[in-house]
PDB file of N, CA and C in Angstrom:
ATOM      1  N   MET A   1      61.557  39.386  62.247  1.00  0.00           N
ATOM      2  CA  MET A   1      61.395  39.939  63.270  1.00  0.00           C
ATOM      3  C   MET A   1      61.394  39.458  64.346  1.00  0.00           C
ATOM      4  N   VAL A   2      61.957  40.464  65.365  1.00  0.00           N
ATOM      5  CA  VAL A   2      62.438  39.916  66.393  1.00  0.00           C
ATOM      6  C   VAL A   2      60.634  39.887  67.552  1.00  0.00           C
ATOM      7  N   SER A   3      60.835  38.935  68.177  1.00  0.00           N
ATOM      8  CA  SER A   3      59.332  38.984  69.013  1.00  0.00           C
ATOM      9  C   SER A   3      59.827  38.402  70.144  1.00  0.00           C
ATOM     10  N   GLY A   4      58.469  38.275  71.323  1.00  0.00           N
ATOM     11  CA  GLY A   4      58.718  37.543  72.221  1.00  0.00           C
ATOM     12  C   GLY A   4      57.694  38.296  73.353  1.00  0.00           C
ATOM     13  N   GLU A   5      57.977  38.624  74.880  1.00  0.00           N
ATOM     14  CA  GLU A   5      56.892  38.868  75.860  1.00  0.00           C
ATOM     15  C   GLU A   5      56.558  40.551  75.506  1.00  0.00           C
ATOM     16  N   LEU A   6      57.630  41.107  74.796  1.00  0.00           N
ATOM     17  CA  LEU A   6      57.701  42.524  74.897  1.00  0.00           C
ATOM     18  C   LEU A   6      57.304  43.247  73.741  1.00  0.00           C
ATOM     19  N   ALA A   7      57.540  42.247  72.694  1.00  0.00           N
ATOM     20  CA  ALA A   7      57.122  43.039  71.073  1.00  0.00           C
ATOM     21  C   ALA A   7      55.714  42.783  70.974  1.00  0.00           C
ATOM     22  N   THR A   8      55.155  43.640  69.882  1.00  0.00           N
ATOM     23  CA  THR A   8      54.279  43.321  69.748  1.00  0.00           C
ATOM     24  C   THR A   8      53.916  43.316  67.840  1.00  0.00           C
ATOM     25  N   PRO A   9      53.182  42.773  67.513  1.00  0.00           N
ATOM     26  CA  PRO A   9      52.911  42.842  65.834  1.00  0.00           C
ATOM     27  C   PRO A   9      52.850  44.494  65.642  1.00  0.00           C
ATOM     28  N   GLY A  10      52.987  44.871  64.144  1.00  0.00           N
ATOM     29  CA  GLY A  10      52.423  45.662  63.905  1.00  0.00           C
ATOM     30  C   GLY A  10      53.892  46.519  63.086  1.00  0.00           C
ATOM     31  N   TYR A  11      53.807  47.970  62.062  1.00  0.00           N
ATOM     32  CA  TYR A  11      54.450  48.846  62.162  1.00  0.00           C
ATOM     33  C   TYR A  11      54.231  50.006  62.183  1.00  0.00           C
ATOM     34  N   ILE A  12      55.311  51.067  62.389  1.00  0.00           N
ATOM     35  CA  ILE A  12      55.444  51.964  62.542  1.00  0.00           C
ATOM     36  C   ILE A  12      55.992  53.171  61.792  1.00  0.00           C
ATOM     37  N   ASP A  13      55.675  54.363  61.372  1.00  0.00           N
ATOM     38  CA  ASP A  13      56.197  55.049  60.394  1.00  0.00           C
ATOM     39  C   ASP A  13      56.535  56.526  61.503  1.00  0.00           C
ATOM     40  N   GLY A  14      58.009  56.778  61.403  1.00  0.00           N
ATOM     41  CA  GLY A  14      58.439  58.007  62.456  1.00  0.00           C
ATOM     42  C   GLY A  14      58.999  58.788  61.348  1.00  0.00           C
ATOM     43  N   CYS A  15      58.531  60.107  62.167  1.00  0.00           N
ATOM     44  CA  CYS A  15      59.010  61.032  61.057  1.00  0.00           C
ATOM     45  C   CYS A  15      59.373  62.468  62.166  1.00  0.00           C
ATOM     46  N   LEU A  16      60.687  63.349  61.226  1.00  0.00           N
ATOM     47  CA  LEU A  16      60.881  64.387  62.080  1.00  0.00           C
ATOM     48  C   LEU A  16      60.681  65.632  61.094  1.00  0.00           C
ATOM     49  N   THR A  17      60.234  66.565  61.500  1.00  0.00           N
ATOM     50  CA  THR A  17      59.887  67.456  60.542  1.00  0.00           C
ATOM     51  C   THR A  17      59.819  69.055  61.578  1.00  0.00           C
ATOM     52  N   PRO A  18      60.846  69.888  60.316  1.00  0.00           N
ATOM     53  CA  PRO A  18      61.054  71.433  61.213  1.00  0.00           C
ATOM     54  C   PRO A  18      59.788  72.037  60.763  1.00  0.00           C
ATOM     55  N   VAL A  19      59.570  72.821  61.520  1.00  0.00           N
ATOM     56  CA  VAL A  19      58.212  73.676  61.323  1.00  0.00           C
ATOM     57  C   VAL A  19      58.517  75.079  61.859  1.00  0.00           C
ATOM     58  N   ALA A  20      58.488  76.119  61.065  1.00  0.00           N
ATOM     59  CA  ALA A  20      58.648  77.505  61.607  1.00  0.00           C
ATOM     60  C   ALA A  20      57.355  77.526  62.843  1.00  0.00           C
ATOM     61  N   ALA A  21      58.142  78.105  64.337  1.00  0.00           N
ATOM     62  CA  ALA A  21      57.269  78.245  65.237  1.00  0.00           C
ATOM     63  C   ALA A  21      55.943  79.373  65.090  1.00  0.00           C
ATOM     64  N   ALA A  22      56.409  80.236  64.085  1.00  0.00           N
ATOM     65  CA  ALA A  22      54.808  80.841  63.719  1.00  0.00           C
ATOM     66  C   ALA A  22      53.795  80.302  62.983  1.00  0.00           C
ATOM     67  N   ASP A  23      54.211  78.751  62.384  1.00  0.00           N
ATOM     68  CA  ASP A  23      53.099  78.321  61.788  1.00  0.00           C
ATOM     69  C   ASP A  23      52.552  77.448  62.564  1.00  0.00           C
ATOM     70  N   ARG A  24      52.468  77.660  63.687  1.00  0.00           N
ATOM     71  CA  ARG A  24      52.349  76.018  64.908  1.00  0.00           C
ATOM     72  C   ARG A  24      51.030  75.861  64.698  1.00  0.00           C
ATOM     73  N   ASP A  25      49.696  76.704  64.501  1.00  0.00           N
ATOM     74  CA  ASP A  25      48.969  76.675  64.214  1.00  0.00           C
ATOM     75  C   ASP A  25      48.354  75.978  62.895  1.00  0.00           C
ATOM     76  N   ALA A  26      48.678  76.405  61.398  1.00  0.00           N
ATOM     77  CA  ALA A  26      48.741  75.961  60.917  1.00  0.00           C
ATOM     78  C   ALA A  26      49.048  74.188  60.807  1.00  0.00           C
ATOM     79  N   TYR A  27      50.210  74.393  61.498  1.00  0.00           N
ATOM     80  CA  TYR A  27      50.849  72.795  61.148  1.00  0.00           C
ATOM     81  C   TYR A  27      49.674  71.789  62.060  1.00  0.00           C
ATOM     82  N   LEU A  28      49.220  72.434  63.411  1.00  0.00           N
ATOM     83  CA  LEU A  28      48.462  71.751  63.943  1.00  0.00           C
ATOM     84  C   LEU A  28      47.173  71.027  63.174  1.00  0.00           C
ATOM     85  N   ALA A  29      46.664  72.036  62.371  1.00  0.00           N
ATOM     86  CA  ALA A  29      44.934  71.950  61.386  1.00  0.00           C
ATOM     87  C   ALA A  29      45.934  71.069  60.277  1.00  0.00           C
ATOM     88  N   PHE A  30      47.029  71.113  60.165  1.00  0.00           N
ATOM     89  CA  PHE A  30      47.353  70.250  58.738  1.00  0.00           C
ATOM     90  C   PHE A  30      47.575  68.686  59.449  1.00  0.00           C
ATOM     91  N   ALA A  31      48.300  68.725  60.395  1.00  0.00           N
ATOM     92  CA  ALA A  31      48.551  67.321  61.225  1.00  0.00           C
ATOM     93  C   ALA A  31      46.815  66.561  61.569  1.00  0.00           C
ATOM     94  N   ALA A  32      45.971  67.154  62.411  1.00  0.00           N
ATOM     95  CA  ALA A  32      44.807  66.810  62.436  1.00  0.00           C
ATOM     96  C   ALA A  32      44.101  66.336  61.225  1.00  0.00           C
ATOM     97  N   ARG A  33      44.078  66.837  60.072  1.00  0.00           N
ATOM     98  CA  ARG A  33      43.377  66.530  58.899  1.00  0.00           C
ATOM     99  C   ARG A  33      43.824  65.373  58.788  1.00  0.00           C
ATOM    100  N   SER A  34      45.028  65.310  58.358  1.00  0.00           N
ATOM    101  CA  SER A  34      46.349  64.626  57.936  1.00  0.00           C
ATOM    102  C   SER A  34      46.064  62.990  59.073  1.00  0.00           C
ATOM    103  N   ALA A  35      45.997  63.145  60.258  1.00  0.00           N
ATOM    104  CA  ALA A  35      45.311  62.216  61.087  1.00  0.00           C
ATOM    105  C   ALA A  35      44.501  61.215  60.969  1.00  0.00           C
ATOM    106  N   GLN A  36      43.091  62.063  60.393  1.00  0.00           N
ATOM    107  CA  GLN A  36      41.789  61.864  59.724  1.00  0.00           C
ATOM    108  C   GLN A  36      42.023  61.051  58.901  1.00  0.00           C
ATOM    109  N   LEU A  37      42.564  61.613  58.098  1.00  0.00           N
ATOM    110  CA  LEU A  37      43.146  60.624  56.351  1.00  0.00           C
ATOM    111  C   LEU A  37      43.901  59.408  56.904  1.00  0.00           C
ATOM    112  N   PHE A  38      44.718  59.236  57.802  1.00  0.00           N
ATOM    113  CA  PHE A  38      46.022  57.614  57.700  1.00  0.00           C
ATOM    114  C   PHE A  38      44.283  57.138  59.085  1.00  0.00           C
ATOM    115  N   ARG A  39      43.421  57.726  59.677  1.00  0.00           N
ATOM    116  CA  ARG A  39      42.881  56.462  60.461  1.00  0.00           C
ATOM    117  C   ARG A  39      42.017  56.291  59.296  1.00  0.00           C
ATOM    118  N   ASP A  40      41.348  56.789  58.624  1.00  0.00           N
ATOM    119  CA  ASP A  40      40.213  56.554  57.830  1.00  0.00           C
ATOM    120  C   ASP A  40      40.749  55.300  56.696  1.00  0.00           C
ATOM    121  N   HIS A  41      42.020  55.497  56.876  1.00  0.00           N
ATOM    122  CA  HIS A  41      43.327  54.439  55.756  1.00  0.00           C
ATOM    123  C   HIS A  41      43.275  52.973  56.540  1.00  0.00           C
ATOM    124  N   GLY A  42      43.171  52.882  57.857  1.00  0.00           N
ATOM    125  CA  GLY A  42      43.715  51.834  58.843  1.00  0.00           C
ATOM    126  C   GLY A  42      44.498  51.810  59.696  1.00  0.00           C
ATOM    127  N   ALA A  43      45.153  53.026  59.523  1.00  0.00           N
ATOM    128  CA  ALA A  43      46.227  53.758  61.011  1.00  0.00           C
ATOM    129  C   ALA A  43      45.388  53.621  62.262  1.00  0.00           C
ATOM    130  N   LEU A  44      45.937  52.710  62.970  1.00  0.00           N
ATOM    131  CA  LEU A  44      45.709  52.575  64.500  1.00  0.00           C
ATOM    132  C   LEU A  44      45.830  53.503  65.391  1.00  0.00           C
ATOM    133  N   ARG A  45      46.959  54.900  64.777  1.00  0.00           N
ATOM    134  CA  ARG A  45      47.140  55.912  65.878  1.00  0.00           C
ATOM    135  C   ARG A  45      48.241  56.289  65.384  1.00  0.00           C
ATOM    136  N   VAL A  46      47.767  57.739  65.505  1.00  0.00           N
ATOM    137  CA  VAL A  46      49.031  58.921  64.940  1.00  0.00           C
ATOM    138  C   VAL A  46      48.952  59.846  65.715  1.00  0.00           C
ATOM    139  N   VAL A  47      50.122  60.024  66.165  1.00  0.00           N
ATOM    140  CA  VAL A  47      50.917  61.062  67.091  1.00  0.00           C
ATOM    141  C   VAL A  47      52.099  62.125  66.227  1.00  0.00           C
ATOM    142  N   GLU A  48      51.416  63.547  67.114  1.00  0.00           N
ATOM    143  CA  GLU A  48      52.324  64.578  66.969  1.00  0.00           C
ATOM    144  C   GLU A  48      52.786  65.069  68.041  1.00  0.00           C
ATOM    145  N   GLY A  49      54.051  65.661  67.773  1.00  0.00           N
ATOM    146  CA  GLY A  49      54.725  65.970  69.058  1.00  0.00           C
ATOM    147  C   GLY A  49      55.058  67.676  68.953  1.00  0.00           C
ATOM    148  N   TRP A  50      54.872  68.318  69.289  1.00  0.00           N
ATOM    149  CA  TRP A  50      55.691  69.823  69.138  1.00  0.00           C
ATOM    150  C   TRP A  50      56.904  69.967  70.024  1.00  0.00           C
ATOM    151  N   GLY A  51      58.075  70.064  69.324  1.00  0.00           N
ATOM    152  CA  GLY A  51      59.465  70.503  70.377  1.00  0.00           C
ATOM    153  C   GLY A  51      59.096  70.784  71.507  1.00  0.00           C
ATOM    154  N   ASP A  52      59.071  70.651  72.691  1.00  0.00           N
ATOM    155  CA  ASP A  52      59.415  71.395  73.828  1.00  0.00           C
ATOM    156  C   ASP A  52      60.932  71.279  74.649  1.00  0.00           C
ATOM    157  N   ASP A  53      61.683  70.050  74.783  1.00  0.00           N
ATOM    158  CA  ASP A  53      62.842  69.761  75.262  1.00  0.00           C
ATOM    159  C   ASP A  53      63.711  69.131  74.399  1.00  0.00           C
ATOM    160  N   VAL A  54      64.604  69.551  73.285  1.00  0.00           N
ATOM    161  CA  VAL A  54      65.343  68.734  72.314  1.00  0.00           C
ATOM    162  C   VAL A  54      66.416  69.816  72.450  1.00  0.00           C
ATOM    163  N   PRO A  55      67.651  68.896  73.356  1.00  0.00           N
ATOM    164  CA  PRO A  55      68.961  70.122  73.300  1.00  0.00           C
ATOM    165  C   PRO A  55      69.742  69.691  71.942  1.00  0.00           C
ATOM    166  N   ALA A  56      70.368  70.215  72.088  1.00  0.00           N
ATOM    167  CA  ALA A  56      71.572  70.248  70.926  1.00  0.00           C
ATOM    168  C   ALA A  56      72.342  69.479  71.711  1.00  0.00           C
ATOM    169  N   GLY A  57      73.113  68.373  70.877  1.00  0.00           N
ATOM    170  CA  GLY A  57      74.223  67.551  71.027  1.00  0.00           C
ATOM    171  C   GLY A  57      75.567  68.012  70.750  1.00  0.00           C
ATOM    172  N   THR A  58      76.021  66.951  71.174  1.00  0.00           N
ATOM    173  CA  THR A  58      77.887  67.202  70.753  1.00  0.00           C
ATOM    174  C   THR A  58      78.089  66.743  69.373  1.00  0.00           C
ATOM    175  N   HIS A  59      78.042  65.814  68.622  1.00  0.00           N
ATOM    176  CA  HIS A  59      77.685  65.036  67.741  1.00  0.00           C
ATOM    177  C   HIS A  59      76.774  65.012  66.352  1.00  0.00           C
ATOM    178  N   THR A  60      75.796  64.626  66.887  1.00  0.00           N
ATOM    179  CA  THR A  60      74.571  65.096  66.406  1.00  0.00           C
ATOM    180  C   THR A  60      73.155  65.362  67.345  1.00  0.00           C
ATOM    181  N   ASP A  61      72.060  65.730  66.530  1.00  0.00           N
ATOM    182  CA  ASP A  61      70.900  65.959  67.404  1.00  0.00           C
ATOM    183  C   ASP A  61      69.849  65.906  66.590  1.00  0.00           C
ATOM    184  N   TYR A  62      68.360  66.466  67.110  1.00  0.00           N
ATOM    185  CA  TYR A  62      67.689  66.919  65.931  1.00  0.00           C
ATOM    186  C   TYR A  62      67.747  67.524  65.177  1.00  0.00           C
ATOM    187  N   ALA A  63      68.065  69.196  65.671  1.00  0.00           N
ATOM    188  CA  ALA A  63      68.093  70.155  64.842  1.00  0.00           C
ATOM    189  C   ALA A  63      69.428  69.853  63.971  1.00  0.00           C
ATOM    190  N   ARG A  64      69.842  69.048  63.296  1.00  0.00           N
ATOM    191  CA  ARG A  64      71.040  69.142  62.679  1.00  0.00           C
ATOM    192  C   ARG A  64      70.578  67.876  61.837  1.00  0.00           C
ATOM    193  N   ALA A  65      69.548  67.005  62.180  1.00  0.00           N
ATOM    194  CA  ALA A  65      68.919  65.810  61.172  1.00  0.00           C
ATOM    195  C   ALA A  65      68.087  66.373  60.776  1.00  0.00           C
ATOM    196  N   VAL A  66      67.788  67.540  60.763  1.00  0.00           N
ATOM    197  CA  VAL A  66      66.599  68.529  59.907  1.00  0.00           C
ATOM    198  C   VAL A  66      67.192  69.957  59.293  1.00  0.00           C
ATOM    199  N   ALA A  67      68.122  70.204  59.505  1.00  0.00           N
ATOM    200  CA  ALA A  67      69.035  71.534  59.303  1.00  0.00           C
ATOM    201  C   ALA A  67      67.989  72.820  59.717  1.00  0.00           C
ATOM    202  N   LEU A  68      67.496  72.807  61.096  1.00  0.00           N
ATOM    203  CA  LEU A  68      66.826  73.172  61.991  1.00  0.00           C
ATOM    204  C   LEU A  68      67.202  74.654  61.947  1.00  0.00           C
ATOM    205  N   GLN A  69      66.357  75.607  61.536  1.00  0.00           N
ATOM    206  CA  GLN A  69      66.561  77.455  60.816  1.00  0.00           C
ATOM    207  C   GLN A  69      66.538  77.988  62.973  1.00  0.00           C
ATOM    208  N   PRO A  70      66.970  79.182  63.020  1.00  0.00           N
ATOM    209  CA  PRO A  70      66.953  79.461  64.477  1.00  0.00           C
ATOM    210  C   PRO A  70      65.079  79.698  64.817  1.00  0.00           C
ATOM    211  N   ASP A  71      64.255  79.786  63.790  1.00  0.00           N
ATOM    212  CA  ASP A  71      63.187  80.635  64.016  1.00  0.00           C
ATOM    213  C   ASP A  71      62.247  78.998  64.181  1.00  0.00           C
ATOM    214  N   GLU A  72      62.847  77.977  63.788  1.00  0.00           N
ATOM    215  CA  GLU A  72      61.798  76.457  63.860  1.00  0.00           C
ATOM    216  C   GLU A  72      62.147  76.035  65.279  1.00  0.00           C
ATOM    217  N   VAL A  73      61.142  74.788  64.876  1.00  0.00           N
ATOM    218  CA  VAL A  73      60.865  73.722  66.034  1.00  0.00           C
ATOM    219  C   VAL A  73      60.845  72.743  65.246  1.00  0.00           C
ATOM    220  N   ALA A  74      61.506  71.147  66.193  1.00  0.00           N
ATOM    221  CA  ALA A  74      61.508  69.928  65.282  1.00  0.00           C
ATOM    222  C   ALA A  74      60.457  69.243  65.893  1.00  0.00           C
ATOM    223  N   CYS A  75      59.608  69.100  65.094  1.00  0.00           N
ATOM    224  CA  CYS A  75      58.441  67.946  65.004  1.00  0.00           C
ATOM    225  C   CYS A  75      58.741  66.847  65.330  1.00  0.00           C
ATOM    226  N   TYR A  76      58.260  65.822  66.058  1.00  0.00           N
ATOM    227  CA  TYR A  76      58.044  64.637  66.096  1.00  0.00           C
ATOM    228  C   TYR A  76      56.415  63.488  65.971  1.00  0.00           C
ATOM    229  N   SER A  77      56.400  62.970  64.689  1.00  0.00           N
ATOM    230  CA  SER A  77      55.566  62.180  64.679  1.00  0.00           C
ATOM    231  C   SER A  77      55.454  60.664  64.574  1.00  0.00           C
ATOM    232  N   TRP A  78      54.665  59.772  65.068  1.00  0.00           N
ATOM    233  CA  TRP A  78      54.316  58.276  64.573  1.00  0.00           C
ATOM    234  C   TRP A  78      53.179  58.073  64.204  1.00  0.00           C
ATOM    235  N   ILE A  79      53.081  57.079  63.123  1.00  0.00           N
ATOM    236  CA  ILE A  79      51.464  56.514  63.133  1.00  0.00           C
ATOM    237  C   ILE A  79      51.970  55.288  63.448  1.00  0.00           C
ATOM    238  N   GLU A  80      50.720  54.197  64.019  1.00  0.00           N
ATOM    239  CA  GLU A  80      51.085  52.697  64.415  1.00  0.00           C
ATOM    240  C   GLU A  80      49.801  52.690  63.123  1.00  0.00           C
ATOM    241  N   TRP A  81      50.390  51.326  62.663  1.00  0.00           N
ATOM    242  CA  TRP A  81      49.625  49.914  61.863  1.00  0.00           C
ATOM    243  C   TRP A  81      49.687  48.807  61.991  1.00  0.00           C
ATOM    244  N   PRO A  82      48.684  47.937  61.911  1.00  0.00           N
ATOM    245  CA  PRO A  82      48.307  46.884  62.156  1.00  0.00           C
ATOM    246  C   PRO A  82      49.644  45.938  61.561  1.00  0.00           C
ATOM    247  N   SER A  83      50.323  46.216  60.321  1.00  0.00           N
ATOM    248  CA  SER A  83      51.041  45.179  59.776  1.00  0.00           C
ATOM    249  C   SER A  83      51.835  46.267  58.745  1.00  0.00           C
ATOM    250  N   LYS A  84      52.625  46.001  58.396  1.00  0.00           N
ATOM    251  CA  LYS A  84      53.352  46.275  57.017  1.00  0.00           C
ATOM    252  C   LYS A  84      52.742  46.509  56.011  1.00  0.00           C
ATOM    253  N   ASP A  85      52.124  45.172  55.555  1.00  0.00           N
ATOM    254  CA  ASP A  85      50.953  45.260  54.543  1.00  0.00           C
ATOM    255  C   ASP A  85      49.810  46.518  54.710  1.00  0.00           C
ATOM    256  N   ALA A  86      49.067  46.707  55.803  1.00  0.00           N
ATOM    257  CA  ALA A  86      48.317  47.501  55.974  1.00  0.00           C
ATOM    258  C   ALA A  86      48.745  49.061  55.861  1.00  0.00           C
ATOM    259  N   ARG A  87      49.977  48.918  56.074  1.00  0.00           N
ATOM    260  CA  ARG A  87      50.865  50.683  55.746  1.00  0.00           C
ATOM    261  C   ARG A  87      51.033  50.527  54.981  1.00  0.00           C
ATOM    262  N   ASP A  88      51.598  49.438  53.703  1.00  0.00           N
ATOM    263  CA  ASP A  88      51.653  50.011  52.462  1.00  0.00           C
ATOM    264  C   ASP A  88      50.410  50.657  51.684  1.00  0.00           C
ATOM    265  N   ALA A  89      49.067  49.381  51.982  1.00  0.00           N
ATOM    266  CA  ALA A  89      48.316  49.700  51.471  1.00  0.00           C
ATOM    267  C   ALA A  89      47.495  51.151  51.950  1.00  0.00           C
ATOM    268  N   GLY A  90      47.739  51.251  53.108  1.00  0.00           N
ATOM    269  CA  GLY A  90      47.176  52.662  53.539  1.00  0.00           C
ATOM    270  C   GLY A  90      47.959  53.948  53.083  1.00  0.00           C
ATOM    271  N   TRP A  91      49.143  53.768  52.736  1.00  0.00           N
ATOM    272  CA  TRP A  91      49.806  55.070  52.311  1.00  0.00           C
ATOM    273  C   TRP A  91      49.401  55.584  50.859  1.00  0.00           C
ATOM    274  N   GLN A  92      49.336  54.237  50.329  1.00  0.00           N
ATOM    275  CA  GLN A  92      48.786  53.980  48.825  1.00  0.00           C
ATOM    276  C   GLN A  92      47.109  54.933  48.930  1.00  0.00           C
ATOM    277  N   ALA A  93      46.296  54.385  49.694  1.00  0.00           N
ATOM    278  CA  ALA A  93      45.464  54.813  49.718  1.00  0.00           C
ATOM    279  C   ALA A  93      45.071  56.545  49.985  1.00  0.00           C
ATOM    280  N   VAL A  94      46.014  57.067  51.256  1.00  0.00           N
ATOM    281  CA  VAL A  94      46.064  58.313  51.555  1.00  0.00           C
ATOM    282  C   VAL A  94      46.551  59.042  50.525  1.00  0.00           C
ATOM    283  N   MET A  95      47.312  58.602  49.726  1.00  0.00           N
ATOM    284  CA  MET A  95      48.182  59.460  48.741  1.00  0.00           C
ATOM    285  C   MET A  95      47.005  59.684  47.321  1.00  0.00           C
ATOM    286  N   ALA A  96      46.473  58.406  47.036  1.00  0.00           N
ATOM    287  CA  ALA A  96      45.454  58.744  46.310  1.00  0.00           C
ATOM    288  C   ALA A  96      43.533  59.627  46.161  1.00  0.00           C
ATOM    289  N   ASP A  97      44.020  59.697  47.978  1.00  0.00           N
ATOM    290  CA  ASP A  97      42.684  60.274  48.555  1.00  0.00           C
ATOM    291  C   ASP A  97      42.136  61.681  47.805  1.00  0.00           C
ATOM    292  N   PRO A  98      41.418  62.062  47.518  1.00  0.00           N
ATOM    293  CA  PRO A  98      40.333  63.549  46.729  1.00  0.00           C
ATOM    294  C   PRO A  98      41.032  64.520  47.989  1.00  0.00           C
ATOM    295  N   ARG A  99      40.819  63.919  49.190  1.00  0.00           N
ATOM    296  CA  ARG A  99      41.491  65.053  50.214  1.00  0.00           C
ATOM    297  C   ARG A  99      42.639  65.610  50.258  1.00  0.00           C
ATOM    298  N   MET A 100      43.699  64.653  49.935  1.00  0.00           N
ATOM    299  CA  MET A 100      44.950  65.201  49.845  1.00  0.00           C
ATOM    300  C   MET A 100      45.106  66.002  48.756  1.00  0.00           C
ATOM    301  N   ALA A 101      44.260  66.196  47.927  1.00  0.00           N
ATOM    302  CA  ALA A 101      44.746  67.525  46.844  1.00  0.00           C
ATOM    303  C   ALA A 101      44.770  68.545  47.047  1.00  0.00           C
ATOM    304  N   GLY A 102      45.811  69.027  46.461  1.00  0.00           N
ATOM    305  CA  GLY A 102      45.759  70.834  46.697  1.00  0.00           C
ATOM    306  C   GLY A 102      45.882  71.275  48.510  1.00  0.00           C
ATOM    307  N   ARG A 103      46.474  70.141  49.019  1.00  0.00           N
ATOM    308  CA  ARG A 103      47.058  70.741  50.375  1.00  0.00           C
ATOM    309  C   ARG A 103      48.880  70.969  50.376  1.00  0.00           C
ATOM    310  N   ASP A 104      48.497  72.136  51.185  1.00  0.00           N
ATOM    311  CA  ASP A 104      49.684  72.615  51.549  1.00  0.00           C
ATOM    312  C   ASP A 104      50.251  72.773  52.230  1.00  0.00           C
ATOM    313  N   MET A 105      51.449  72.066  52.722  1.00  0.00           N
ATOM    314  CA  MET A 105      52.163  71.806  53.736  1.00  0.00           C
ATOM    315  C   MET A 105      52.725  72.632  54.346  1.00  0.00           C
ATOM    316  N   PRO A 106      52.828  72.954  55.621  1.00  0.00           N
ATOM    317  CA  PRO A 106      53.170  74.355  56.550  1.00  0.00           C
ATOM    318  C   PRO A 106      55.106  73.767  57.100  1.00  0.00           C
ATOM    319  N   PHE A 107      55.044  73.351  56.366  1.00  0.00           N
ATOM    320  CA  PHE A 107      56.611  72.983  56.900  1.00  0.00           C
ATOM    321  C   PHE A 107      57.617  72.463  55.652  1.00  0.00           C
ATOM    322  N   ASP A 108      58.733  72.758  55.340  1.00  0.00           N
ATOM    323  CA  ASP A 108      59.994  72.095  54.493  1.00  0.00           C
ATOM    324  C   ASP A 108      59.836  71.256  54.228  1.00  0.00           C
ATOM    325  N   GLY A 109      58.955  69.991  53.283  1.00  0.00           N
ATOM    326  CA  GLY A 109      58.960  68.846  53.150  1.00  0.00           C
ATOM    327  C   GLY A 109      60.921  68.210  52.593  1.00  0.00           C
ATOM    328  N   LYS A 110      61.074  68.949  52.357  1.00  0.00           N
ATOM    329  CA  LYS A 110      62.508  68.727  51.707  1.00  0.00           C
ATOM    330  C   LYS A 110      63.846  68.016  52.855  1.00  0.00           C
ATOM    331  N   ARG A 111      63.308  68.752  54.090  1.00  0.00           N
ATOM    332  CA  ARG A 111      64.341  68.402  55.252  1.00  0.00           C
ATOM    333  C   ARG A 111      63.491  67.466  56.324  1.00  0.00           C
ATOM    334  N   MET A 112      62.623  66.985  55.638  1.00  0.00           N
ATOM    335  CA  MET A 112      61.994  66.268  56.635  1.00  0.00           C
ATOM    336  C   MET A 112      62.733  64.609  56.841  1.00  0.00           C
ATOM    337  N   VAL A 113      62.491  63.850  57.603  1.00  0.00           N
ATOM    338  CA  VAL A 113      63.340  62.537  57.847  1.00  0.00           C
ATOM    339  C   VAL A 113      62.558  61.971  58.101  1.00  0.00           C
ATOM    340  N   TYR A 114      62.035  60.562  57.405  1.00  0.00           N
ATOM    341  CA  TYR A 114      61.237  59.383  57.940  1.00  0.00           C
ATOM    342  C   TYR A 114      61.918  58.146  57.603  1.00  0.00           C
ATOM    343  N   GLY A 115      60.623  57.402  58.176  1.00  0.00           N
ATOM    344  CA  GLY A 115      60.880  55.975  58.326  1.00  0.00           C
ATOM    345  C   GLY A 115      60.372  54.943  58.658  1.00  0.00           C
ATOM    346  N   GLY A 116      59.953  53.812  58.051  1.00  0.00           N
ATOM    347  CA  GLY A 116      59.015  52.632  58.825  1.00  0.00           C
ATOM    348  C   GLY A 116      59.963  51.727  59.599  1.00  0.00           C
ATOM    349  N   PHE A 117      59.041  51.216  60.690  1.00  0.00           N
ATOM    350  CA  PHE A 117      59.829  50.580  61.658  1.00  0.00           C
ATOM    351  C   PHE A 117      59.176  49.261  62.415  1.00  0.00           C
ATOM    352  N   VAL A 118      59.892  48.242  62.383  1.00  0.00           N
ATOM    353  CA  VAL A 118      58.949  47.058  62.931  1.00  0.00           C
ATOM    354  C   VAL A 118      59.273  47.093  64.636  1.00  0.00           C
ATOM    355  N   PRO A 119      58.137  47.277  65.438  1.00  0.00           N
ATOM    356  CA  PRO A 119      58.000  46.952  66.601  1.00  0.00           C
ATOM    357  C   PRO A 119      58.823  45.911  67.223  1.00  0.00           C
ATOM    358  N   ILE A 120      59.733  46.256  68.329  1.00  0.00           N
ATOM    359  CA  ILE A 120      60.601  45.162  68.875  1.00  0.00           C
ATOM    360  C   ILE A 120      60.349  44.992  70.573  1.00  0.00           C
ATOM    361  N   VAL A 121      59.994  45.894  70.713  1.00  0.00           N
ATOM    362  CA  VAL A 121      59.598  46.559  72.484  1.00  0.00           C
ATOM    363  C   VAL A 121      58.619  47.322  72.306  1.00  0.00           C
ATOM    364  N   ASP A 122      58.052  46.864  72.912  1.00  0.00           N
ATOM    365  CA  ASP A 122      56.375  47.768  73.349  1.00  0.00           C
ATOM    366  C   ASP A 122      56.060  47.472  74.748  1.00  0.00           C
ATOM    367  N   ARG A 123      56.554  48.449  75.675  1.00  0.00           N
ATOM    368  CA  ARG A 123      56.114  48.016  77.269  1.00  0.00           C
ATOM    369  C   ARG A 123      55.065  48.828  77.766  1.00  0.00           C
ATOM    370  N   ARG A 124      53.484  48.610  77.901  1.00  0.00           N
ATOM    371  CA  ARG A 124      52.613  49.231  78.213  1.00  0.00           C
ATOM    372  C   ARG A 124      52.448  48.944  79.959  1.00  0.00           C
ATOM    373  N   MET A 125      51.961  50.186  80.450  1.00  0.00           N
ATOM    374  CA  MET A 125      51.465  50.181  81.678  1.00  0.00           C
ATOM    375  C   MET A 125      50.842  49.020  82.264  1.00  0.00           C
ATOM    376  N   GLY A 126      50.622  48.385  83.119  1.00  0.00           N
ATOM    377  CA  GLY A 126      50.130  47.102  82.949  1.00  0.00           C
ATOM    378  C   GLY A 126      50.446  45.947  82.730  1.00  0.00           C
ATOM    379  N   ALA A 127      51.045  46.258  81.572  1.00  0.00           N
ATOM    380  CA  ALA A 127      51.824  44.742  80.649  1.00  0.00           C
ATOM    381  C   ALA A 127      53.004  44.434  81.799  1.00  0.00           C
ATOM    382  N   GLY A 128      53.102  43.726  82.546  1.00  0.00           N
ATOM    383  CA  GLY A 128      54.302  43.334  83.701  1.00  0.00           C
ATOM    384  C   GLY A 128      54.961  44.364  84.262  1.00  0.00           C
ATOM    385  N   ALA A 129      54.421  45.391  84.290  1.00  0.00           N
ATOM    386  CA  ALA A 129      55.470  46.358  84.849  1.00  0.00           C
ATOM    387  C   ALA A 129      55.791  46.414  86.354  1.00  0.00           C
TER     388      ALA A 129
END
């Protein structure tokens, strides 16, 4: 792990999800319930973003990454964890949590893009700004 004055310990899961614009309310409800589950199992922070200014690129872009359809919006989310170990245990607990059973996802999970990341820069207001 790269460390130094700009890096903080922890771990981040990032996710790019295609969501039908008509399903915004269902996605918001799903995301709120999911955020509570992640917080209950060790996540420090859960952020969901609804695509607002997501331009088409020349070679690649968010739309191509998730095979976005004309009636869909690219949503970006991330989950902050205290460590990779906490993340691994948290995900296992979330998937085993009975509150996850029978939940319909209001998006096409097959086109979702996700991954885990080690923070290398975390510059916040007041932190040497």
